[in-house]
Amino acid sequence: IAKRLKQGTAKITQKFGEEAVETIIAAMQKDKKEVIAESADLLFHWLILLADVGVTPEEVMEELKRRE
């Protein structure tokens, strides 16, 4: 995690985007195992992105609650 944070926002967002695309491709292929693996990668990089910009997962959850 620290290594990725040191790489900076541009690299963090690039990696997050790559994982999102890989998750989409796996879903389009109906590859459940790969969707699970890529989703885990996506969530990992999402959490790093949040940390990089100073947002907590709880803040995101609060926003989701407001939308209900």
Protein backbone atom coordinates (compact mmCIF):
# COMPACT_ATOMS: atom_id res chain seq x y z
CA ILE A 1 0.00 0.00 0.00
CA ALA A 2 2.73 2.45 0.96
CA LYS A 3 4.56 1.72 -2.30
CA ARG A 4 1.47 2.56 -4.36
CA LEU A 5 0.78 5.73 -2.34
CA LYS A 6 4.35 6.89 -2.96
CA GLN A 7 3.77 6.56 -6.71
CA GLY A 8 1.33 9.45 -6.64
CA THR A 9 -2.21 10.22 -7.68
CA ALA A 10 -1.68 9.76 -11.42
CA LYS A 11 -0.38 6.20 -11.00
CA ILE A 12 -3.03 5.37 -8.41
CA THR A 13 -5.87 6.52 -10.67
CA GLN A 14 -4.32 4.77 -13.67
CA LYS A 15 -4.18 1.48 -11.78
CA PHE A 16 -7.74 1.93 -10.51
CA GLY A 17 -8.92 2.48 -14.09
CA GLU A 18 -7.05 -0.57 -15.33
CA GLU A 19 -8.66 -2.74 -12.65
CA ALA A 20 -12.10 -1.34 -13.50
CA VAL A 21 -11.63 -2.24 -17.17
CA GLU A 22 -10.38 -5.73 -16.28
CA THR A 23 -13.44 -6.24 -14.05
CA ILE A 24 -15.74 -5.15 -16.88
CA ILE A 25 -14.06 -7.51 -19.33
CA ALA A 26 -14.40 -10.42 -16.93
CA ALA A 27 -18.08 -9.60 -16.42
CA MET A 28 -18.69 -9.42 -20.16
CA GLN A 29 -17.10 -12.85 -20.49
CA LYS A 30 -19.31 -14.17 -17.67
CA ASP A 31 -16.16 -15.43 -15.94
CA LYS A 32 -17.27 -15.55 -12.31
CA LYS A 33 -13.88 -16.53 -10.91
CA GLU A 34 -12.18 -13.70 -12.77
CA VAL A 35 -14.89 -11.20 -11.77
CA ILE A 36 -14.19 -12.08 -8.14
CA ALA A 37 -10.42 -11.72 -8.55
CA GLU A 38 -10.63 -8.47 -10.51
CA SER A 39 -13.22 -7.05 -8.12
CA ALA A 40 -10.85 -7.68 -5.23
CA ASP A 41 -8.11 -5.83 -7.13
CA LEU A 42 -10.54 -3.02 -7.95
CA LEU A 43 -11.60 -2.60 -4.33
CA PHE A 44 -7.98 -2.67 -3.18
CA HIS A 45 -7.03 0.11 -5.57
CA TRP A 46 -10.22 2.05 -4.74
CA LEU A 47 -9.21 2.04 -1.07
CA ILE A 48 -5.75 3.31 -2.00
CA LEU A 49 -7.32 6.04 -4.12
CA LEU A 50 -9.54 7.09 -1.20
CA ALA A 51 -6.53 7.24 1.12
CA ASP A 52 -4.60 9.29 -1.42
CA VAL A 53 -7.31 11.97 -1.54
CA GLY A 54 -8.10 11.84 2.18
CA VAL A 55 -11.52 10.22 2.00
CA THR A 56 -12.57 7.36 4.27
CA PRO A 57 -14.73 4.43 3.22
CA GLU A 58 -17.14 5.54 5.97
CA GLU A 59 -17.62 8.88 4.23
CA VAL A 60 -18.55 7.05 1.05
CA MET A 61 -20.97 4.82 2.97
CA GLU A 62 -22.59 7.90 4.53
CA GLU A 63 -23.10 9.33 1.06
CA LEU A 64 -24.73 6.09 -0.04
CA LYS A 65 -27.05 6.19 3.00
CA ARG A 66 -28.09 9.74 2.06
CA ARG A 67 -29.11 8.46 -1.37
CA GLU A 68 -31.52 5.83 -0.04
